[in-house]
Amino acid sequence: ACIAGTRVLVTTVLDNLASGLDSEEITSSYPSVSHDAVR
């Protein structure tokens, strides 16, 4: 499972959230991932 239109795995997003990163930090690290995609 990936974020649509990217090669960013859903598990990558979830792992980052579990590590304490917030949506802003994730979208900054992965510019192709939107805040809605994190949700």
PDB file of all heavy atoms in Angstrom:
ATOM      1  N   ALA A   1       0.840  -1.199   0.000  1.00  0.00           N
ATOM      2  CA  ALA A   1       0.000   0.000   0.000  1.00  0.00           C
ATOM      3  C   ALA A   1       0.878   1.253   0.000  1.00  0.00           C
ATOM      4  O   ALA A   1       1.791   1.382   0.821  1.00  0.00           O
ATOM      5  CB  ALA A   1      -0.918   0.002   1.208  1.00  0.00           C
ATOM      6  N   CYS A   2       0.583   2.154  -0.948  1.00  0.00           N
ATOM      7  CA  CYS A   2       1.337   3.400  -1.105  1.00  0.00           C
ATOM      8  C   CYS A   2       0.379   4.583  -1.133  1.00  0.00           C
ATOM      9  O   CYS A   2      -0.807   4.429  -1.436  1.00  0.00           O
ATOM     10  CB  CYS A   2       2.093   3.416  -2.431  1.00  0.00           C
ATOM     11  SG  CYS A   2       3.413   2.227  -2.564  1.00  0.00           S
ATOM     12  N   ILE A   3       0.935   5.751  -0.878  1.00  0.00           N
ATOM     13  CA  ILE A   3       0.193   6.980  -1.088  1.00  0.00           C
ATOM     14  C   ILE A   3       0.039   7.138  -2.603  1.00  0.00           C
ATOM     15  O   ILE A   3       1.018   7.013  -3.344  1.00  0.00           O
ATOM     16  CB  ILE A   3       0.930   8.192  -0.484  1.00  0.00           C
ATOM     17  CG1 ILE A   3       1.205   7.979   1.021  1.00  0.00           C
ATOM     18  CG2 ILE A   3       0.160   9.470  -0.742  1.00  0.00           C
ATOM     19  CD1 ILE A   3      -0.011   7.755   1.884  1.00  0.00           C
ATOM     20  N   ALA A   4      -1.169   7.369  -3.056  1.00  0.00           N
ATOM     21  CA  ALA A   4      -1.456   7.438  -4.503  1.00  0.00           C
ATOM     22  C   ALA A   4      -0.531   8.428  -5.199  1.00  0.00           C
ATOM     23  O   ALA A   4      -0.290   9.528  -4.699  1.00  0.00           O
ATOM     24  CB  ALA A   4      -2.911   7.829  -4.722  1.00  0.00           C
ATOM     25  N   GLY A   5      -0.003   8.001  -6.344  1.00  0.00           N
ATOM     26  CA  GLY A   5       0.853   8.856  -7.150  1.00  0.00           C
ATOM     27  C   GLY A   5       2.277   8.970  -6.652  1.00  0.00           C
ATOM     28  O   GLY A   5       3.058   9.748  -7.184  1.00  0.00           O
ATOM     29  N   THR A   6       2.620   8.188  -5.618  1.00  0.00           N
ATOM     30  CA  THR A   6       3.971   8.224  -5.061  1.00  0.00           C
ATOM     31  C   THR A   6       4.469   6.797  -4.876  1.00  0.00           C
ATOM     32  O   THR A   6       3.747   5.839  -5.120  1.00  0.00           O
ATOM     33  CB  THR A   6       4.013   8.924  -3.681  1.00  0.00           C
ATOM     34  OG1 THR A   6       3.494   8.041  -2.685  1.00  0.00           O
ATOM     35  CG2 THR A   6       3.235  10.227  -3.685  1.00  0.00           C
ATOM     36  N   ARG A   7       5.681   6.703  -4.408  1.00  0.00           N
ATOM     37  CA  ARG A   7       6.223   5.421  -3.968  1.00  0.00           C
ATOM     38  C   ARG A   7       6.460   5.438  -2.460  1.00  0.00           C
ATOM     39  O   ARG A   7       7.279   4.694  -1.934  1.00  0.00           O
ATOM     40  CB  ARG A   7       7.511   5.094  -4.733  1.00  0.00           C
ATOM     41  CG  ARG A   7       7.251   4.791  -6.194  1.00  0.00           C
ATOM     42  CD  ARG A   7       8.514   4.383  -6.909  1.00  0.00           C
ATOM     43  NE  ARG A   7       8.229   3.992  -8.269  1.00  0.00           N
ATOM     44  CZ  ARG A   7       7.907   2.766  -8.662  1.00  0.00           C
ATOM     45  NH1 ARG A   7       7.826   1.799  -7.785  1.00  0.00           N
ATOM     46  NH2 ARG A   7       7.660   2.513  -9.930  1.00  0.00           N
ATOM     47  N   VAL A   8       5.723   6.294  -1.783  1.00  0.00           N
ATOM     48  CA  VAL A   8       5.818   6.381  -0.324  1.00  0.00           C
ATOM     49  C   VAL A   8       4.855   5.360   0.263  1.00  0.00           C
ATOM     50  O   VAL A   8       3.640   5.439   0.055  1.00  0.00           O
ATOM     51  CB  VAL A   8       5.483   7.802   0.180  1.00  0.00           C
ATOM     52  CG1 VAL A   8       5.554   7.852   1.703  1.00  0.00           C
ATOM     53  CG2 VAL A   8       6.424   8.838  -0.443  1.00  0.00           C
ATOM     54  N   LEU A   9       5.401   4.408   0.985  1.00  0.00           N
ATOM     55  CA  LEU A   9       4.584   3.357   1.578  1.00  0.00           C
ATOM     56  C   LEU A   9       3.734   3.905   2.722  1.00  0.00           C
ATOM     57  O   LEU A   9       4.176   4.782   3.474  1.00  0.00           O
ATOM     58  CB  LEU A   9       5.464   2.232   2.113  1.00  0.00           C
ATOM     59  CG  LEU A   9       6.312   1.469   1.101  1.00  0.00           C
ATOM     60  CD1 LEU A   9       7.251   0.527   1.835  1.00  0.00           C
ATOM     61  CD2 LEU A   9       5.436   0.721   0.123  1.00  0.00           C
ATOM     62  N   VAL A  10       2.547   3.362   2.847  1.00  0.00           N
ATOM     63  CA  VAL A  10       1.686   3.721   3.972  1.00  0.00           C
ATOM     64  C   VAL A  10       2.399   3.389   5.279  1.00  0.00           C
ATOM     65  O   VAL A  10       2.326   4.157   6.245  1.00  0.00           O
ATOM     66  CB  VAL A  10       0.323   3.002   3.872  1.00  0.00           C
ATOM     67  CG1 VAL A  10      -0.479   3.171   5.150  1.00  0.00           C
ATOM     68  CG2 VAL A  10      -0.452   3.505   2.669  1.00  0.00           C
ATOM     69  N   THR A  11       3.115   2.285   5.302  1.00  0.00           N
ATOM     70  CA  THR A  11       3.839   1.919   6.519  1.00  0.00           C
ATOM     71  C   THR A  11       4.895   2.958   6.879  1.00  0.00           C
ATOM     72  O   THR A  11       5.162   3.171   8.071  1.00  0.00           O
ATOM     73  CB  THR A  11       4.499   0.532   6.403  1.00  0.00           C
ATOM     74  OG1 THR A  11       5.348   0.513   5.255  1.00  0.00           O
ATOM     75  CG2 THR A  11       3.464  -0.562   6.311  1.00  0.00           C
ATOM     76  N   THR A  12       5.476   3.612   5.898  1.00  0.00           N
ATOM     77  CA  THR A  12       6.451   4.674   6.175  1.00  0.00           C
ATOM     78  C   THR A  12       5.781   5.830   6.901  1.00  0.00           C
ATOM     79  O   THR A  12       6.302   6.346   7.900  1.00  0.00           O
ATOM     80  CB  THR A  12       7.101   5.171   4.868  1.00  0.00           C
ATOM     81  OG1 THR A  12       7.779   4.078   4.244  1.00  0.00           O
ATOM     82  CG2 THR A  12       8.078   6.297   5.127  1.00  0.00           C
ATOM     83  N   VAL A  13       4.608   6.213   6.426  1.00  0.00           N
ATOM     84  CA  VAL A  13       3.855   7.293   7.074  1.00  0.00           C
ATOM     85  C   VAL A  13       3.478   6.882   8.491  1.00  0.00           C
ATOM     86  O   VAL A  13       3.678   7.632   9.452  1.00  0.00           O
ATOM     87  CB  VAL A  13       2.600   7.664   6.254  1.00  0.00           C
ATOM     88  CG1 VAL A  13       1.736   8.673   6.991  1.00  0.00           C
ATOM     89  CG2 VAL A  13       3.004   8.203   4.878  1.00  0.00           C
ATOM     90  N   LEU A  14       2.955   5.669   8.649  1.00  0.00           N
ATOM     91  CA  LEU A  14       2.531   5.199   9.971  1.00  0.00           C
ATOM     92  C   LEU A  14       3.712   5.047  10.922  1.00  0.00           C
ATOM     93  O   LEU A  14       3.608   5.397  12.107  1.00  0.00           O
ATOM     94  CB  LEU A  14       1.770   3.884   9.843  1.00  0.00           C
ATOM     95  CG  LEU A  14       0.453   3.969   9.075  1.00  0.00           C
ATOM     96  CD1 LEU A  14      -0.106   2.568   8.843  1.00  0.00           C
ATOM     97  CD2 LEU A  14      -0.542   4.857   9.788  1.00  0.00           C
ATOM     98  N   ASP A  15       4.837   4.553  10.427  1.00  0.00           N
ATOM     99  CA  ASP A  15       6.033   4.427  11.266  1.00  0.00           C
ATOM    100  C   ASP A  15       6.493   5.797  11.757  1.00  0.00           C
ATOM    101  O   ASP A  15       6.910   5.945  12.907  1.00  0.00           O
ATOM    102  CB  ASP A  15       7.168   3.743  10.510  1.00  0.00           C
ATOM    103  CG  ASP A  15       6.969   2.256  10.309  1.00  0.00           C
ATOM    104  OD1 ASP A  15       6.129   1.658  11.015  1.00  0.00           O
ATOM    105  OD2 ASP A  15       7.640   1.684   9.425  1.00  0.00           O
ATOM    106  N   ASN A  16       6.436   6.794  10.880  1.00  0.00           N
ATOM    107  CA  ASN A  16       6.819   8.148  11.271  1.00  0.00           C
ATOM    108  C   ASN A  16       5.873   8.703  12.334  1.00  0.00           C
ATOM    109  O   ASN A  16       6.320   9.324  13.304  1.00  0.00           O
ATOM    110  CB  ASN A  16       6.856   9.073  10.052  1.00  0.00           C
ATOM    111  CG  ASN A  16       8.159   8.963   9.293  1.00  0.00           C
ATOM    112  OD1 ASN A  16       9.148   9.566   9.669  1.00  0.00           O
ATOM    113  ND2 ASN A  16       8.151   8.180   8.230  1.00  0.00           N
ATOM    114  N   LEU A  17       4.593   8.464  12.171  1.00  0.00           N
ATOM    115  CA  LEU A  17       3.624   8.903  13.182  1.00  0.00           C
ATOM    116  C   LEU A  17       3.882   8.197  14.509  1.00  0.00           C
ATOM    117  O   LEU A  17       3.864   8.831  15.574  1.00  0.00           O
ATOM    118  CB  LEU A  17       2.191   8.635  12.707  1.00  0.00           C
ATOM    119  CG  LEU A  17       1.686   9.523  11.573  1.00  0.00           C
ATOM    120  CD1 LEU A  17       0.403   8.943  10.988  1.00  0.00           C
ATOM    121  CD2 LEU A  17       1.463  10.948  12.065  1.00  0.00           C
ATOM    122  N   ALA A  18       4.131   6.907  14.453  1.00  0.00           N
ATOM    123  CA  ALA A  18       4.386   6.130  15.669  1.00  0.00           C
ATOM    124  C   ALA A  18       5.663   6.592  16.368  1.00  0.00           C
ATOM    125  O   ALA A  18       5.778   6.477  17.594  1.00  0.00           O
ATOM    126  CB  ALA A  18       4.474   4.643  15.336  1.00  0.00           C
ATOM    127  N   SER A  19       6.595   7.137  15.602  1.00  0.00           N
ATOM    128  CA  SER A  19       7.850   7.630  16.178  1.00  0.00           C
ATOM    129  C   SER A  19       7.707   9.022  16.774  1.00  0.00           C
ATOM    130  O   SER A  19       8.657   9.556  17.334  1.00  0.00           O
ATOM    131  CB  SER A  19       8.943   7.658  15.107  1.00  0.00           C
ATOM    132  OG  SER A  19       9.251   6.363  14.693  1.00  0.00           O
ATOM    133  N   GLY A  20       6.517   9.605  16.623  1.00  0.00           N
ATOM    134  CA  GLY A  20       6.268  10.901  17.238  1.00  0.00           C
ATOM    135  C   GLY A  20       6.270  12.082  16.289  1.00  0.00           C
ATOM    136  O   GLY A  20       6.048  13.212  16.716  1.00  0.00           O
ATOM    137  N   LEU A  21       6.529  11.842  15.005  1.00  0.00           N
ATOM    138  CA  LEU A  21       6.461  12.937  14.053  1.00  0.00           C
ATOM    139  C   LEU A  21       5.014  13.338  13.832  1.00  0.00           C
ATOM    140  O   LEU A  21       4.115  12.485  13.912  1.00  0.00           O
ATOM    141  CB  LEU A  21       7.094  12.542  12.712  1.00  0.00           C
ATOM    142  CG  LEU A  21       8.614  12.709  12.599  1.00  0.00           C
ATOM    143  CD1 LEU A  21       9.335  11.741  13.490  1.00  0.00           C
ATOM    144  CD2 LEU A  21       9.044  12.534  11.162  1.00  0.00           C
ATOM    145  N   ASP A  22       4.788  14.611  13.552  1.00  0.00           N
ATOM    146  CA  ASP A  22       3.431  15.046  13.246  1.00  0.00           C
ATOM    147  C   ASP A  22       3.269  15.185  11.731  1.00  0.00           C
ATOM    148  O   ASP A  22       4.222  15.020  10.966  1.00  0.00           O
ATOM    149  CB  ASP A  22       3.068  16.335  13.983  1.00  0.00           C
ATOM    150  CG  ASP A  22       3.946  17.524  13.616  1.00  0.00           C
ATOM    151  OD1 ASP A  22       4.525  17.546  12.503  1.00  0.00           O
ATOM    152  OD2 ASP A  22       4.048  18.450  14.440  1.00  0.00           O
ATOM    153  N   SER A  23       2.067  15.465  11.322  1.00  0.00           N
ATOM    154  CA  SER A  23       1.746  15.554   9.901  1.00  0.00           C
ATOM    155  C   SER A  23       2.627  16.573   9.183  1.00  0.00           C
ATOM    156  O   SER A  23       3.081  16.340   8.064  1.00  0.00           O
ATOM    157  CB  SER A  23       0.265  15.908   9.736  1.00  0.00           C
ATOM    158  OG  SER A  23      -0.078  15.987   8.385  1.00  0.00           O
ATOM    159  N   GLU A  24       2.887  17.695   9.831  1.00  0.00           N
ATOM    160  CA  GLU A  24       3.715  18.744   9.225  1.00  0.00           C
ATOM    161  C   GLU A  24       5.138  18.246   8.954  1.00  0.00           C
ATOM    162  O   GLU A  24       5.710  18.504   7.891  1.00  0.00           O
ATOM    163  CB  GLU A  24       3.753  19.975  10.147  1.00  0.00           C
ATOM    164  CG  GLU A  24       4.407  21.174   9.518  1.00  0.00           C
ATOM    165  CD  GLU A  24       3.656  21.704   8.315  1.00  0.00           C
ATOM    166  OE1 GLU A  24       2.415  21.724   8.333  1.00  0.00           O
ATOM    167  OE2 GLU A  24       4.327  22.091   7.335  1.00  0.00           O
ATOM    168  N   GLU A  25       5.694  17.513   9.897  1.00  0.00           N
ATOM    169  CA  GLU A  25       7.048  16.977   9.723  1.00  0.00           C
ATOM    170  C   GLU A  25       7.088  15.930   8.613  1.00  0.00           C
ATOM    171  O   GLU A  25       8.052  15.877   7.836  1.00  0.00           O
ATOM    172  CB  GLU A  25       7.544  16.382  11.034  1.00  0.00           C
ATOM    173  CG  GLU A  25       7.785  17.425  12.113  1.00  0.00           C
ATOM    174  CD  GLU A  25       8.014  16.826  13.478  1.00  0.00           C
ATOM    175  OE1 GLU A  25       7.176  16.005  13.926  1.00  0.00           O
ATOM    176  OE2 GLU A  25       9.028  17.188  14.096  1.00  0.00           O
ATOM    177  N   ILE A  26       6.046  15.125   8.525  1.00  0.00           N
ATOM    178  CA  ILE A  26       6.004  14.088   7.488  1.00  0.00           C
ATOM    179  C   ILE A  26       5.879  14.724   6.110  1.00  0.00           C
ATOM    180  O   ILE A  26       6.608  14.359   5.183  1.00  0.00           O
ATOM    181  CB  ILE A  26       4.856  13.095   7.763  1.00  0.00           C
ATOM    182  CG1 ILE A  26       5.156  12.318   9.046  1.00  0.00           C
ATOM    183  CG2 ILE A  26       4.654  12.151   6.573  1.00  0.00           C
ATOM    184  CD1 ILE A  26       4.007  11.511   9.578  1.00  0.00           C
ATOM    185  N   THR A  27       4.990  15.685   5.967  1.00  0.00           N
ATOM    186  CA  THR A  27       4.823  16.323   4.654  1.00  0.00           C
ATOM    187  C   THR A  27       6.045  17.146   4.272  1.00  0.00           C
ATOM    188  O   THR A  27       6.328  17.321   3.094  1.00  0.00           O
ATOM    189  CB  THR A  27       3.552  17.196   4.603  1.00  0.00           C
ATOM    190  OG1 THR A  27       3.620  18.194   5.626  1.00  0.00           O
ATOM    191  CG2 THR A  27       2.301  16.354   4.772  1.00  0.00           C
ATOM    192  N   SER A  28       6.787  17.606   5.252  1.00  0.00           N
ATOM    193  CA  SER A  28       8.034  18.317   4.969  1.00  0.00           C
ATOM    194  C   SER A  28       9.100  17.344   4.470  1.00  0.00           C
ATOM    195  O   SER A  28       9.844  17.645   3.539  1.00  0.00           O
ATOM    196  CB  SER A  28       8.515  19.035   6.233  1.00  0.00           C
ATOM    197  OG  SER A  28       9.736  19.683   6.003  1.00  0.00           O
ATOM    198  N   SER A  29       9.156  16.163   5.081  1.00  0.00           N
ATOM    199  CA  SER A  29      10.126  15.143   4.672  1.00  0.00           C
ATOM    200  C   SER A  29       9.753  14.482   3.359  1.00  0.00           C
ATOM    201  O   SER A  29      10.627  14.041   2.608  1.00  0.00           O
ATOM    202  CB  SER A  29      10.240  14.064   5.750  1.00  0.00           C
ATOM    203  OG  SER A  29      10.780  14.593   6.935  1.00  0.00           O
ATOM    204  N   TYR A  30       8.461  14.376   3.102  1.00  0.00           N
ATOM    205  CA  TYR A  30       7.937  13.736   1.885  1.00  0.00           C
ATOM    206  C   TYR A  30       6.995  14.721   1.194  1.00  0.00           C
ATOM    207  O   TYR A  30       5.774  14.648   1.381  1.00  0.00           O
ATOM    208  CB  TYR A  30       7.196  12.435   2.224  1.00  0.00           C
ATOM    209  CG  TYR A  30       8.062  11.421   2.929  1.00  0.00           C
ATOM    210  CD1 TYR A  30       8.091  11.349   4.319  1.00  0.00           C
ATOM    211  CD2 TYR A  30       8.863  10.550   2.201  1.00  0.00           C
ATOM    212  CE1 TYR A  30       8.897  10.429   4.975  1.00  0.00           C
ATOM    213  CE2 TYR A  30       9.667   9.619   2.846  1.00  0.00           C
ATOM    214  CZ  TYR A  30       9.681   9.563   4.233  1.00  0.00           C
ATOM    215  OH  TYR A  30      10.488   8.653   4.866  1.00  0.00           O
ATOM    216  N   PRO A  31       7.534  15.655   0.415  1.00  0.00           N
ATOM    217  CA  PRO A  31       6.701  16.711  -0.190  1.00  0.00           C
ATOM    218  C   PRO A  31       5.569  16.205  -1.085  1.00  0.00           C
ATOM    219  O   PRO A  31       4.583  16.906  -1.280  1.00  0.00           O
ATOM    220  CB  PRO A  31       7.703  17.533  -1.000  1.00  0.00           C
ATOM    221  CG  PRO A  31       9.034  17.229  -0.414  1.00  0.00           C
ATOM    222  CD  PRO A  31       8.935  15.833   0.134  1.00  0.00           C
ATOM    223  N   SER A  32       5.682  14.982  -1.585  1.00  0.00           N
ATOM    224  CA  SER A  32       4.617  14.433  -2.437  1.00  0.00           C
ATOM    225  C   SER A  32       3.440  13.900  -1.619  1.00  0.00           C
ATOM    226  O   SER A  32       2.420  13.500  -2.179  1.00  0.00           O
ATOM    227  CB  SER A  32       5.173  13.324  -3.330  1.00  0.00           C
ATOM    228  OG  SER A  32       5.717  12.279  -2.549  1.00  0.00           O
ATOM    229  N   VAL A  33       3.580  13.910  -0.288  1.00  0.00           N
ATOM    230  CA  VAL A  33       2.526  13.417   0.604  1.00  0.00           C
ATOM    231  C   VAL A  33       1.803  14.616   1.223  1.00  0.00           C
ATOM    232  O   VAL A  33       2.421  15.465   1.852  1.00  0.00           O
ATOM    233  CB  VAL A  33       3.121  12.513   1.714  1.00  0.00           C
ATOM    234  CG1 VAL A  33       2.053  12.086   2.701  1.00  0.00           C
ATOM    235  CG2 VAL A  33       3.816  11.305   1.097  1.00  0.00           C
ATOM    236  N   SER A  34       0.496  14.654   1.034  1.00  0.00           N
ATOM    237  CA  SER A  34      -0.310  15.754   1.576  1.00  0.00           C
ATOM    238  C   SER A  34      -0.766  15.434   3.005  1.00  0.00           C
ATOM    239  O   SER A  34      -0.701  14.284   3.459  1.00  0.00           O
ATOM    240  CB  SER A  34      -1.539  15.984   0.701  1.00  0.00           C
ATOM    241  OG  SER A  34      -2.422  14.879   0.800  1.00  0.00           O
ATOM    242  N   HIS A  35      -1.242  16.459   3.682  1.00  0.00           N
ATOM    243  CA  HIS A  35      -1.797  16.245   5.027  1.00  0.00           C
ATOM    244  C   HIS A  35      -2.996  15.303   4.961  1.00  0.00           C
ATOM    245  O   HIS A  35      -3.169  14.454   5.842  1.00  0.00           O
ATOM    246  CB  HIS A  35      -2.200  17.577   5.665  1.00  0.00           C
ATOM    247  CG  HIS A  35      -1.031  18.458   5.966  1.00  0.00           C
ATOM    248  ND1 HIS A  35      -0.190  18.239   7.031  1.00  0.00           N
ATOM    249  CD2 HIS A  35      -0.545  19.546   5.331  1.00  0.00           C
ATOM    250  CE1 HIS A  35       0.753  19.156   7.047  1.00  0.00           C
ATOM    251  NE2 HIS A  35       0.561  19.969   6.027  1.00  0.00           N
ATOM    252  N   ASP A  36      -3.810  15.432   3.918  1.00  0.00           N
ATOM    253  CA  ASP A  36      -4.953  14.520   3.762  1.00  0.00           C
ATOM    254  C   ASP A  36      -4.483  13.085   3.552  1.00  0.00           C
ATOM    255  O   ASP A  36      -5.122  12.149   4.033  1.00  0.00           O
ATOM    256  CB  ASP A  36      -5.842  14.961   2.599  1.00  0.00           C
ATOM    257  CG  ASP A  36      -6.699  16.155   2.941  1.00  0.00           C
ATOM    258  OD1 ASP A  36      -6.892  16.443   4.143  1.00  0.00           O
ATOM    259  OD2 ASP A  36      -7.192  16.806   2.001  1.00  0.00           O
ATOM    260  N   ALA A  37      -3.379  12.905   2.856  1.00  0.00           N
ATOM    261  CA  ALA A  37      -2.845  11.554   2.643  1.00  0.00           C
ATOM    262  C   ALA A  37      -2.370  10.957   3.961  1.00  0.00           C
ATOM    263  O   ALA A  37      -2.525   9.750   4.189  1.00  0.00           O
ATOM    264  CB  ALA A  37      -1.715  11.584   1.627  1.00  0.00           C
ATOM    265  N   VAL A  38      -1.813  11.785   4.842  1.00  0.00           N
ATOM    266  CA  VAL A  38      -1.407  11.299   6.164  1.00  0.00           C
ATOM    267  C   VAL A  38      -2.639  10.839   6.935  1.00  0.00           C
ATOM    268  O   VAL A  38      -2.654   9.751   7.532  1.00  0.00           O
ATOM    269  CB  VAL A  38      -0.629  12.384   6.952  1.00  0.00           C
ATOM    270  CG1 VAL A  38      -0.377  11.937   8.389  1.00  0.00           C
ATOM    271  CG2 VAL A  38       0.685  12.718   6.247  1.00  0.00           C
ATOM    272  N   ARG A  39      -3.695  11.633   6.902  1.00  0.00           N
ATOM    273  CA  ARG A  39      -4.940  11.241   7.566  1.00  0.00           C
ATOM    274  C   ARG A  39      -5.512   9.968   6.942  1.00  0.00           C
ATOM    275  O   ARG A  39      -6.052   9.105   7.637  1.00  0.00           O
ATOM    276  CB  ARG A  39      -5.955  12.374   7.496  1.00  0.00           C
ATOM    277  CG  ARG A  39      -5.599  13.515   8.428  1.00  0.00           C
ATOM    278  CD  ARG A  39      -6.613  14.646   8.491  1.00  0.00           C
ATOM    279  NE  ARG A  39      -7.958  14.282   8.137  1.00  0.00           N
ATOM    280  CZ  ARG A  39      -8.710  14.961   7.274  1.00  0.00           C
ATOM    281  NH1 ARG A  39      -8.246  16.036   6.675  1.00  0.00           N
ATOM    282  NH2 ARG A  39      -9.943  14.579   7.011  1.00  0.00           N
TER     283      ARG A  39
END
